[in-house]
């Protein structure tokens, strides 16, 4: 008889969940250092950017390390990005771009007046800038500053509030935008808050960006709701600037609609099924993705049980699988995270303790099928500081089981089974539906690729010449780069880990983005 590790007791309590809305945006691999020229220097007593003093030009080497985004608050309808390639691949609408190159020129530092826009101002003649936005300082009468490339060590031309005590306000007119990206430059300090407002002026979300001081790093947003303006405020009344602005007004390819899938705990009978990092037993719950709507999981709320309060979960392994006839099949992704303990209490004193946990995940997309619902599986196993094998995922058998009952894997046997068809574990999978979180296809005419999913070999075919192929993982890291220079090619990606990747293909100068699933 096959052994099943299960913990069963009776309880009359009902569990409630509180959801975590914090994220850390992916970071990308580091590019090569960039040499730039510094023409101005900031005195210790400077109160604004136009207090900078001219100095003899000198060349410095700057590494453009990526920003790290955290502390997102509010509803999960906005996706943040710290990698430009992933951001641009995630948005299927058209971008309008502005590099501010038509102003006073390289090396210049010039106040522009209280408003910078396409209507004209002290730095740009009317019509020089693209329509759709304006820049102001938080104090309406104060100046916006123009910082030409190389003036203070900046690679690009930068704009922002002149006075350090002010913060920069970027407003999108007349109807807001659904995507925006920029190179962010923060003077002397590493952190800046970016507050995001809708077109009515209501705060939608706040992001804290840990950005290397005095270095331009990319920051981007894609939203389901139109963004009316953003406020950029560096910590400690330091200066904040931005450049290389791009934005999209088309509500396509956004981060999806906030949604969740859950199995809640109600009733008077429940137990726990073994799922410990330090045992042979791992358990998984199924997740159903609606036809035509990808589901991007961003966090999980889940209760776990142990035998002692000191055995609180300290690590969580999360593994994603395709479905194989009602059980977990091919693994398509995994992540190890540190759980946040939302609450803990004796479950059946003194036999067991219940820990309500929240897992903040790197967003992972479960692709939808165009014509039918698609089932996937999510395995969660917990580890403790004392390496306990007796860790249990709480379940209930008093509510109808939606989809499949909980499945359990026994490493000694090497396969998945369903221990009890009446048992389903408790969870709340939180994320977005309908968006693709960095894996939206932007097709190229005459280009095809197959098979997808693939076990390793990917055939590329095009009517026109394929210039190059670049593949990124969902963290925005480049994992493969190939020059093709032919109308057909076979790409070997067998060395890549199982999961979802973004493939950028350039055909005669035109670039398309495609989702590739590696089995």
Protein backbone atom coordinates (compact mmCIF):
# COMPACT_ATOMS: atom_id res chain seq x y z
CA UNK A 1 0.00 0.00 0.00
CA UNK A 2 1.33 3.43 -0.94
CA UNK A 3 2.06 5.66 2.01
CA UNK A 4 0.38 9.11 2.00
CA UNK A 5 1.55 11.76 4.47
CA UNK A 6 -1.58 13.49 5.76
CA UNK A 7 -2.47 15.46 8.89
CA UNK A 8 -6.17 15.39 9.84
CA UNK A 9 -7.95 17.14 12.73
CA UNK A 10 -11.25 18.91 13.33
CA UNK A 11 -11.59 22.65 13.60
CA UNK A 12 -14.49 25.11 13.79
CA UNK A 13 -12.56 28.20 12.68
CA UNK A 14 -12.93 30.04 9.38
CA UNK A 15 -9.83 31.53 7.83
CA UNK A 16 -9.51 35.00 6.30
CA UNK A 17 -6.85 36.22 3.91
CA UNK A 18 -5.21 39.60 3.46
CA UNK A 19 -3.48 40.21 0.16
CA UNK A 20 0.05 41.50 -0.35
CA UNK A 21 0.45 44.06 -3.14
CA UNK A 22 4.22 44.50 -2.94
CA UNK A 23 6.45 43.60 -5.85
CA UNK A 24 10.09 43.74 -6.80
CA UNK A 25 10.47 44.33 -10.47
CA UNK A 26 12.82 42.15 -12.47
CA UNK A 27 16.33 43.33 -13.01
CA UNK A 28 18.34 42.81 -16.14
CA UNK A 29 21.91 41.80 -16.85
CA UNK A 30 24.46 44.59 -16.67
CA UNK A 31 25.51 46.37 -19.86
CA UNK A 32 29.03 47.51 -20.58
CA UNK A 33 30.23 50.77 -18.99
CA UNK A 34 29.55 53.97 -20.93
CA UNK A 35 32.08 56.80 -21.14
CA UNK A 36 30.61 60.28 -20.77
CA UNK A 37 31.89 63.81 -20.32
CA UNK A 38 31.14 65.98 -17.29
CA UNK A 39 31.07 69.74 -17.92
CA UNK A 40 29.38 70.91 -14.69
CA UNK A 41 29.88 70.29 -11.00
CA UNK A 42 27.37 70.58 -8.15
CA UNK A 43 28.47 72.83 -5.25
CA UNK A 44 27.56 71.58 -1.77
CA UNK A 45 25.23 74.57 -1.31
CA UNK A 46 23.35 74.11 -4.60
CA UNK A 47 19.55 74.41 -4.30
CA UNK A 48 18.75 73.77 -7.95
CA UNK A 49 20.25 72.39 -11.13
CA UNK A 50 21.10 75.83 -12.54
CA UNK A 51 23.42 76.38 -9.54
CA UNK A 52 25.80 73.83 -11.08
CA UNK A 53 29.18 75.41 -11.97
CA UNK A 54 31.10 74.93 -15.25
CA UNK A 55 34.33 72.95 -14.85
CA UNK A 56 37.03 71.71 -17.19
CA UNK A 57 35.51 68.81 -19.13
CA UNK A 58 36.54 65.34 -17.93
CA UNK A 59 35.56 61.87 -19.06
CA UNK A 60 34.20 59.27 -16.64
CA UNK A 61 33.05 55.67 -17.03
CA UNK A 62 29.52 54.90 -15.83
CA UNK A 63 27.92 51.46 -15.50
CA UNK A 64 24.20 51.65 -16.19
CA UNK A 65 23.02 49.19 -13.56
CA UNK A 66 19.30 48.45 -13.51
CA UNK A 67 16.82 49.94 -11.11
CA UNK A 68 14.90 47.84 -8.58
CA UNK A 69 11.23 48.63 -8.10
CA UNK A 70 9.41 47.89 -4.85
CA UNK A 71 6.56 48.95 -2.58
CA UNK A 72 3.75 48.87 -5.08
CA UNK A 73 0.48 49.69 -3.35
CA UNK A 74 -3.13 49.64 -4.44
CA UNK A 75 -4.94 47.46 -6.97
CA UNK A 76 -2.83 45.26 -9.19
CA UNK A 77 -3.72 46.82 -12.55
CA UNK A 78 -0.30 48.35 -13.24
CA UNK A 79 2.80 46.37 -14.19
CA UNK A 80 6.22 47.92 -13.66
CA UNK A 81 9.36 47.24 -15.69
CA UNK A 82 13.07 47.91 -15.23
CA UNK A 83 14.11 46.40 -18.57
CA UNK A 84 13.30 48.36 -21.73
CA UNK A 85 13.24 45.36 -24.05
CA UNK A 86 10.74 43.50 -21.88
CA UNK A 87 8.62 46.64 -21.50
CA UNK A 88 8.44 47.25 -25.23
CA UNK A 89 7.66 43.59 -25.89
CA UNK A 90 4.81 43.67 -23.37
CA UNK A 91 2.91 46.52 -25.02
CA UNK A 92 1.23 45.76 -28.34
CA UNK A 93 0.23 49.36 -29.08
CA UNK A 94 2.29 52.02 -30.83
CA UNK A 95 4.78 54.23 -28.97
CA UNK A 96 5.30 57.97 -29.29
CA UNK A 97 8.88 58.92 -28.38
CA UNK A 98 10.62 62.13 -27.32
CA UNK A 99 14.37 62.45 -26.68
CA UNK A 100 14.38 66.27 -26.09
CA UNK A 101 17.26 66.62 -28.56
CA UNK A 102 15.92 69.84 -30.09
CA UNK A 103 16.61 72.07 -27.08
CA UNK A 104 19.59 74.28 -26.08
CA UNK A 105 22.11 71.54 -26.95
CA UNK A 106 24.79 69.19 -25.65
CA UNK A 107 26.32 70.23 -22.33
CA UNK A 108 23.79 73.04 -21.68
CA UNK A 109 21.95 73.64 -18.42
CA UNK A 110 18.99 75.94 -19.01
CA UNK A 111 15.78 76.80 -17.11
CA UNK A 112 12.80 76.49 -19.46
CA UNK A 113 10.04 78.21 -17.50
CA UNK A 114 7.16 76.68 -15.54
CA UNK A 115 5.73 74.44 -18.33
CA UNK A 116 7.49 72.42 -21.04
CA UNK A 117 5.24 71.13 -23.84
CA UNK A 118 4.71 71.08 -27.60
CA UNK A 119 3.12 74.55 -27.31
CA UNK A 120 6.57 76.09 -26.87
CA UNK A 121 8.54 77.35 -23.86
CA UNK A 122 11.92 78.79 -22.92
CA UNK A 123 13.86 75.78 -24.25
CA UNK A 124 11.81 74.45 -27.18
CA UNK A 125 9.99 76.35 -29.93
CA UNK A 126 6.34 75.50 -30.57
CA UNK A 127 6.03 72.20 -32.41
CA UNK A 128 9.52 70.98 -31.52
CA UNK A 129 8.29 68.46 -28.95
CA UNK A 130 5.69 65.77 -29.69
CA UNK A 131 2.12 66.31 -28.53
CA UNK A 132 0.59 64.44 -25.62
CA UNK A 133 2.43 65.53 -22.48
CA UNK A 134 3.71 68.45 -20.43
CA UNK A 135 6.31 68.79 -17.68
CA UNK A 136 5.94 70.99 -14.60
CA UNK A 137 7.40 71.32 -11.12
CA UNK A 138 5.31 70.56 -8.03
CA UNK A 139 5.20 74.31 -7.31
CA UNK A 140 3.48 75.59 -10.48
CA UNK A 141 5.43 78.85 -10.67
CA UNK A 142 8.86 77.20 -10.41
CA UNK A 143 11.04 76.33 -13.39
CA UNK A 144 11.53 73.12 -15.31
CA UNK A 145 15.21 72.56 -16.16
CA UNK A 146 16.90 71.33 -19.35
CA UNK A 147 20.10 69.31 -18.81
CA UNK A 148 21.88 68.68 -22.11
CA UNK A 149 23.70 65.41 -22.69
CA UNK A 150 27.09 65.18 -20.84
CA UNK A 151 26.43 68.30 -18.73
CA UNK A 152 26.46 66.55 -15.34
CA UNK A 153 27.56 63.07 -16.36
CA UNK A 154 24.28 62.25 -18.09
CA UNK A 155 24.33 60.26 -21.31
CA UNK A 156 20.99 61.58 -22.61
CA UNK A 157 19.23 64.93 -22.50
CA UNK A 158 17.24 65.15 -19.26
CA UNK A 159 14.27 67.17 -18.01
CA UNK A 160 12.71 67.77 -14.58
CA UNK A 161 11.99 70.21 -11.78
CA UNK A 162 14.83 72.72 -11.39
CA UNK A 163 14.61 73.33 -7.64
CA UNK A 164 15.58 70.35 -5.50
CA UNK A 165 12.77 71.04 -3.01
CA UNK A 166 10.26 70.60 -5.86
CA UNK A 167 9.47 67.29 -7.49
CA UNK A 168 8.82 66.58 -11.16
CA UNK A 169 5.29 66.24 -12.55
CA UNK A 170 4.71 64.59 -15.95
CA UNK A 171 1.11 64.99 -17.20
CA UNK A 172 -0.38 63.24 -20.24
CA UNK A 173 -3.00 65.13 -22.22
CA UNK A 174 -5.73 65.05 -23.27
CA UNK A 175 -6.81 61.49 -22.36
CA UNK A 176 -3.88 59.88 -20.56
CA UNK A 177 -1.67 56.95 -21.59
CA UNK A 178 -1.64 53.19 -21.03
CA UNK A 179 2.12 52.69 -21.26
CA UNK A 180 5.06 54.94 -20.42
CA UNK A 181 8.80 54.42 -20.21
CA UNK A 182 11.75 56.68 -19.46
CA UNK A 183 15.37 56.81 -18.38
CA UNK A 184 15.35 57.98 -14.75
CA UNK A 185 18.21 60.02 -13.26
CA UNK A 186 18.31 60.78 -9.52
CA UNK A 187 20.92 63.24 -8.25
CA UNK A 188 23.12 62.14 -5.31
CA UNK A 189 20.63 59.67 -3.74
CA UNK A 190 19.55 56.16 -4.78
CA UNK A 191 15.78 56.22 -4.23
CA UNK A 192 12.77 57.97 -5.72
CA UNK A 193 9.02 57.53 -5.34
CA UNK A 194 6.90 57.46 -8.48
CA UNK A 195 3.23 58.17 -7.82
CA UNK A 196 0.77 57.20 -10.55
CA UNK A 197 -2.59 58.97 -10.97
CA UNK A 198 -5.53 58.31 -13.26
CA UNK A 199 -7.04 60.98 -15.51
CA UNK A 200 -9.31 62.19 -12.69
CA UNK A 201 -6.35 62.81 -10.37
CA UNK A 202 -6.93 59.75 -8.15
CA UNK A 203 -3.80 58.01 -6.91
CA UNK A 204 -3.66 54.52 -8.43
CA UNK A 205 -0.28 53.24 -7.27
CA UNK A 206 3.10 54.20 -5.80
CA UNK A 207 6.46 52.67 -6.68
CA UNK A 208 9.78 53.12 -4.89
CA UNK A 209 12.63 52.89 -7.39
CA UNK A 210 16.10 52.09 -6.08
CA UNK A 211 18.03 53.73 -8.87
CA UNK A 212 21.83 54.13 -8.89
CA UNK A 213 22.46 57.81 -8.14
CA UNK A 214 23.61 60.01 -11.02
CA UNK A 215 23.03 57.20 -13.53
CA UNK A 216 20.20 56.79 -16.02
CA UNK A 217 18.22 53.58 -15.54
CA UNK A 218 15.05 52.50 -17.29
CA UNK A 219 11.63 52.60 -15.62
CA UNK A 220 8.37 51.69 -17.34
CA UNK A 221 4.67 51.12 -16.60
CA UNK A 222 1.81 49.42 -18.42
CA UNK A 223 -1.68 49.99 -17.04
CA UNK A 224 -5.22 48.78 -17.68
CA UNK A 225 -6.56 52.21 -16.70
CA UNK A 226 -5.42 55.42 -18.37
CA UNK A 227 -2.57 57.16 -16.52
CA UNK A 228 -3.22 60.90 -16.27
CA UNK A 229 0.04 61.93 -14.63
CA UNK A 230 2.99 60.72 -12.61
CA UNK A 231 4.93 62.50 -9.87
CA UNK A 232 8.64 61.71 -9.51
CA UNK A 233 10.10 62.64 -6.12
CA UNK A 234 13.65 61.79 -5.04
CA UNK A 235 14.29 61.18 -1.38
CA UNK A 236 15.81 63.88 0.85
CA UNK A 237 14.76 66.73 -1.50
CA UNK A 238 17.32 65.65 -4.09
CA UNK A 239 16.89 66.31 -7.78
CA UNK A 240 15.08 63.96 -10.15
CA UNK A 241 15.28 64.06 -13.95
CA UNK A 242 14.17 61.89 -16.84
CA UNK A 243 14.87 61.47 -20.54
CA UNK A 244 14.12 59.30 -23.58
CA UNK A 245 10.39 59.36 -22.93
CA UNK A 246 8.11 56.92 -24.74
CA UNK A 247 4.38 56.49 -24.21
CA UNK A 248 1.39 54.74 -25.73
CA UNK A 249 -2.21 55.93 -25.80
CA UNK A 250 -3.69 52.69 -27.13
CA UNK A 251 -5.32 50.51 -24.42
CA UNK A 252 -3.85 47.31 -25.90
CA UNK A 253 -1.36 44.83 -24.49
CA UNK A 254 -1.64 46.09 -20.96
CA UNK A 255 -0.91 44.19 -17.80
CA UNK A 256 -4.39 42.62 -17.80
CA UNK A 257 -7.29 42.93 -15.40
CA UNK A 258 -6.69 42.28 -11.71
CA UNK A 259 -8.09 38.86 -10.86
CA UNK A 260 -7.58 35.90 -8.59
CA UNK A 261 -8.40 32.22 -8.29
CA UNK A 262 -9.04 30.90 -4.83
CA UNK A 263 -10.27 27.98 -2.81
CA UNK A 264 -11.30 29.32 0.59
CA UNK A 265 -11.55 27.51 3.90
CA UNK A 266 -15.07 27.26 5.26
CA UNK A 267 -16.87 24.63 7.30
CA UNK A 268 -15.91 22.62 10.35
CA UNK A 269 -13.56 19.94 9.05
CA UNK A 270 -10.14 20.43 7.56
CA UNK A 271 -6.65 19.00 7.69
CA UNK A 272 -3.23 19.25 6.13
CA UNK A 273 -1.42 17.33 3.42
CA UNK A 274 2.34 16.91 3.51
CA UNK A 275 4.31 19.38 1.40
CA UNK A 276 7.71 20.08 2.95
CA UNK A 277 10.96 21.13 1.32
CA UNK A 278 12.61 18.57 3.60
CA UNK A 279 10.46 15.52 2.85
CA UNK A 280 9.65 13.26 -0.10
CA UNK A 281 6.13 14.65 -0.31
CA UNK A 282 5.09 17.69 -2.36
CA UNK A 283 1.52 18.82 -3.04
CA UNK A 284 -0.03 20.87 -5.88
CA UNK A 285 -3.30 22.62 -6.72
CA UNK A 286 -4.70 23.07 -10.20
CA UNK A 287 -5.36 26.45 -11.79
CA UNK A 288 -7.67 27.01 -14.78
CA UNK A 289 -6.82 29.68 -17.37
CA UNK A 290 -9.82 30.89 -19.36
CA UNK A 291 -9.79 30.63 -23.15
CA UNK A 292 -8.08 33.61 -24.76
CA UNK A 293 -6.94 35.18 -21.46
CA UNK A 294 -3.45 34.51 -20.12
CA UNK A 295 -3.19 34.42 -16.33
CA UNK A 296 -0.09 36.05 -14.78
CA UNK A 297 0.38 34.98 -11.17
CA UNK A 298 1.96 37.64 -8.93
CA UNK A 299 1.37 36.48 -5.36
CA UNK A 300 -0.13 33.60 -3.41
CA UNK A 301 -1.88 33.63 -0.04
CA UNK A 302 -1.73 30.19 1.52
CA UNK A 303 -2.03 28.60 5.01
CA UNK A 304 0.48 26.00 6.23
CA UNK A 305 0.55 23.91 9.42
CA UNK A 306 3.47 22.74 11.55
CA UNK A 307 3.76 21.05 14.94
CA UNK A 308 5.39 23.94 16.84
CA UNK A 309 5.38 27.76 16.76
CA UNK A 310 9.15 27.83 16.25
CA UNK A 311 8.69 25.87 13.01
CA UNK A 312 7.36 28.84 11.08
CA UNK A 313 7.88 28.64 7.30
CA UNK A 314 11.09 30.42 6.25
CA UNK A 315 11.29 29.43 2.59
CA UNK A 316 8.82 28.39 -0.09
CA UNK A 317 9.46 26.47 -3.30
CA UNK A 318 6.87 27.28 -5.97
CA UNK A 319 6.82 25.07 -9.07
CA UNK A 320 4.55 25.37 -12.13
CA UNK A 321 3.42 22.44 -14.29
CA UNK A 322 1.40 21.72 -17.36
CA UNK A 323 -1.57 19.38 -16.91
CA UNK A 324 -1.24 15.70 -17.79
CA UNK A 325 -4.64 13.97 -17.64
CA UNK A 326 -5.68 15.62 -14.38
CA UNK A 327 -2.26 15.54 -12.68
CA UNK A 328 0.87 17.73 -12.80
CA UNK A 329 2.90 17.02 -15.94
CA UNK A 330 5.84 18.87 -17.50
CA UNK A 331 7.44 21.49 -15.27
CA UNK A 332 7.36 24.93 -16.92
CA UNK A 333 8.79 27.17 -14.21
CA UNK A 334 9.89 27.45 -10.58
CA UNK A 335 10.93 29.98 -7.98
CA UNK A 336 12.12 30.01 -4.36
CA UNK A 337 10.81 32.89 -2.23
CA UNK A 338 10.77 33.97 1.40
CA UNK A 339 7.20 33.81 2.73
CA UNK A 340 5.69 36.71 4.63
CA UNK A 341 3.93 35.49 7.78
CA UNK A 342 0.63 37.36 7.92
CA UNK A 343 -0.53 35.71 11.15
CA UNK A 344 0.07 32.65 13.30
CA UNK A 345 -1.95 30.93 15.98
CA UNK A 346 -2.50 27.52 17.59
CA UNK A 347 -4.60 25.50 15.19
CA UNK A 348 -5.60 22.67 17.49
CA UNK A 349 -3.69 23.55 20.62
CA UNK A 350 -1.21 22.12 21.36
CA UNK A 351 -1.07 19.70 18.43
CA UNK A 352 -0.46 22.07 15.50
CA UNK A 353 0.14 25.71 14.60
CA UNK A 354 -1.33 27.51 11.63
CA UNK A 355 0.68 30.09 9.67
CA UNK A 356 -1.11 32.35 7.20
CA UNK A 357 1.54 33.22 4.62
CA UNK A 358 1.85 35.40 1.55
CA UNK A 359 4.30 34.70 -1.27
CA UNK A 360 5.40 37.66 -3.44
CA UNK A 361 6.39 36.15 -6.79
CA UNK A 362 8.22 37.19 -9.90
CA UNK A 363 5.24 37.48 -12.30
CA UNK A 364 4.81 34.20 -14.19
CA UNK A 365 2.42 33.85 -17.13
CA UNK A 366 0.27 30.77 -17.74
CA UNK A 367 -0.53 31.02 -21.47
CA UNK A 368 -4.14 30.65 -22.58
CA UNK A 369 -5.45 28.61 -25.47
CA UNK A 370 -7.52 30.60 -27.94
CA UNK A 371 -10.39 28.12 -28.09
CA UNK A 372 -10.67 26.37 -24.72
CA UNK A 373 -9.78 26.63 -21.03
CA UNK A 374 -6.31 25.40 -20.08
CA UNK A 375 -5.36 23.70 -16.83
CA UNK A 376 -2.03 24.13 -15.02
CA UNK A 377 -0.72 23.11 -11.60
CA UNK A 378 1.02 25.05 -8.82
CA UNK A 379 3.14 23.11 -6.32
CA UNK A 380 4.05 24.81 -3.03
CA UNK A 381 6.37 23.26 -0.47
CA UNK A 382 7.59 25.02 2.67
CA UNK A 383 10.84 24.80 4.59
CA UNK A 384 11.46 25.82 8.19
CA UNK A 385 14.47 27.06 10.10
CA UNK A 386 14.58 23.69 11.87
CA UNK A 387 14.27 21.70 8.60
CA UNK A 388 11.06 19.97 9.57
CA UNK A 389 9.64 17.26 7.32
CA UNK A 390 6.28 17.63 9.08
CA UNK A 391 4.98 20.70 7.24
CA UNK A 392 1.43 20.54 5.85
CA UNK A 393 -0.58 22.54 3.32
CA UNK A 394 -4.00 23.12 4.85
CA UNK A 395 -6.99 21.66 3.03
CA UNK A 396 -10.74 21.49 3.34
CA UNK A 397 -13.16 18.73 2.35
CA UNK A 398 -16.43 20.42 3.26
CA UNK A 399 -16.76 22.71 0.22
CA UNK A 400 -17.23 21.64 -3.41
CA UNK A 401 -13.87 21.05 -5.10
CA UNK A 402 -13.51 23.26 -8.19
CA UNK A 403 -11.42 21.58 -10.86
CA UNK A 404 -9.20 18.77 -9.59
CA UNK A 405 -8.61 17.73 -5.96
CA UNK A 406 -5.17 18.23 -4.45
CA UNK A 407 -2.41 16.10 -5.99
CA UNK A 408 0.62 14.77 -4.10
CA UNK A 409 4.04 13.64 -5.31
CA UNK A 410 6.05 10.99 -3.45
CA UNK A 411 9.71 11.10 -4.44
CA UNK A 412 10.12 7.47 -3.35
CA UNK A 413 7.54 6.40 -5.96
CA UNK A 414 8.39 9.07 -8.54
CA UNK A 415 4.86 9.97 -9.64
CA UNK A 416 1.82 12.10 -8.77
CA UNK A 417 -1.45 10.75 -7.35
CA UNK A 418 -4.71 12.08 -5.89
CA UNK A 419 -4.84 10.87 -2.25
CA UNK A 420 -8.50 11.77 -1.68
CA UNK A 421 -10.99 13.08 -4.26
CA UNK A 422 -12.82 15.07 -1.57
CA UNK A 423 -9.78 17.13 -0.50
CA UNK A 424 -8.70 20.48 -1.96
CA UNK A 425 -5.98 22.69 -0.50
CA UNK A 426 -6.65 26.29 0.52
CA UNK A 427 -5.12 29.07 -1.60
CA UNK A 428 -5.62 32.44 -3.20
CA UNK A 429 -3.70 32.88 -6.46
CA UNK A 430 -3.51 36.63 -7.16
CA UNK A 431 -2.54 38.18 -10.48
CA UNK A 432 -3.83 39.58 -13.75
CA UNK A 433 -6.04 38.08 -16.45
CA UNK A 434 -5.85 38.99 -20.11
CA UNK A 435 -2.38 40.56 -20.04
CA UNK A 436 0.83 38.82 -20.95
CA UNK A 437 3.36 40.47 -18.59
CA UNK A 438 6.14 40.80 -21.08
CA UNK A 439 5.23 38.05 -23.52
CA UNK A 440 2.71 39.65 -25.89
CA UNK A 441 3.21 38.72 -29.52
CA UNK A 442 3.85 41.54 -32.00
CA UNK A 443 3.90 39.66 -35.28
CA UNK A 444 5.98 40.10 -38.42
CA UNK A 445 4.36 39.55 -41.79
CA UNK A 446 5.64 36.40 -43.46
CA UNK A 447 7.45 35.08 -40.37
CA UNK A 448 6.57 31.78 -38.66
CA UNK A 449 8.20 29.59 -36.02
CA UNK A 450 7.48 26.05 -34.77
CA UNK A 451 7.00 23.91 -32.78
CA UNK A 452 5.79 25.88 -29.78
CA UNK A 453 6.11 24.53 -27.10
CA UNK A 454 9.45 23.03 -28.09
CA UNK A 455 11.80 20.55 -26.46
CA UNK A 456 14.84 22.30 -27.88
CA UNK A 457 14.83 22.88 -31.65
CA UNK A 458 12.89 25.86 -32.99
CA UNK A 459 12.44 26.25 -36.76
CA UNK A 460 12.29 29.81 -38.12
CA UNK A 461 10.84 30.60 -41.55
CA UNK A 462 10.41 33.99 -43.22
CA UNK A 463 9.50 35.33 -46.64
CA UNK A 464 12.15 38.03 -46.13
CA UNK A 465 15.66 37.79 -44.73
CA UNK A 466 15.91 37.18 -40.94
CA UNK A 467 18.61 39.45 -39.57
CA UNK A 468 18.89 38.30 -35.96
CA UNK A 469 17.15 36.56 -33.07
CA UNK A 470 17.45 37.48 -29.39
CA UNK A 471 15.82 35.56 -26.55
CA UNK A 472 15.07 36.98 -23.08
CA UNK A 473 13.79 35.23 -19.97
CA UNK A 474 10.94 36.75 -17.95
CA UNK A 475 13.43 38.58 -15.73
CA UNK A 476 14.45 40.56 -18.80
CA UNK A 477 17.86 38.88 -18.99
CA UNK A 478 19.27 38.12 -22.45
CA UNK A 479 19.87 34.37 -22.64
CA UNK A 480 20.59 33.92 -26.36
CA UNK A 481 21.64 36.14 -29.25
CA UNK A 482 22.08 34.83 -32.80
CA UNK A 483 22.83 36.38 -36.18
CA UNK A 484 20.86 34.55 -38.88
CA UNK A 485 21.10 36.41 -42.22
CA UNK A 486 18.87 33.88 -44.00
CA UNK A 487 15.19 33.23 -44.70
CA UNK A 488 15.17 30.04 -42.62
CA UNK A 489 17.10 28.73 -39.66
CA UNK A 490 16.94 26.19 -36.86
CA UNK A 491 17.54 27.59 -33.38
CA UNK A 492 18.73 25.20 -30.67
CA UNK A 493 17.42 26.31 -27.26
CA UNK A 494 17.83 22.95 -25.53
CA UNK A 495 20.27 24.51 -23.06
CA UNK A 496 17.58 26.83 -21.70
CA UNK A 497 15.62 25.91 -18.59
CA UNK A 498 11.99 24.90 -18.86
CA UNK A 499 9.76 27.97 -18.93
CA UNK A 500 8.45 30.92 -20.93
CA UNK A 501 10.77 33.15 -22.97
CA UNK A 502 10.47 36.27 -25.12
CA UNK A 503 11.93 35.96 -28.62
CA UNK A 504 12.73 39.16 -30.52
CA UNK A 505 13.15 38.61 -34.25
CA UNK A 506 14.44 41.26 -36.65
CA UNK A 507 13.51 40.85 -40.32
CA UNK A 508 14.96 43.44 -42.70
CA UNK A 509 15.10 46.03 -39.92
CA UNK A 510 11.60 45.34 -38.53
CA UNK A 511 11.37 43.72 -35.08
CA UNK A 512 8.64 41.42 -33.79
CA UNK A 513 8.24 39.80 -30.37
CA UNK A 514 7.02 36.28 -29.78
CA UNK A 515 6.38 34.00 -26.83
CA UNK A 516 8.30 30.70 -26.77
CA UNK A 517 7.55 27.87 -24.34
CA UNK A 518 10.51 25.61 -23.60
CA UNK A 519 9.56 22.15 -22.29
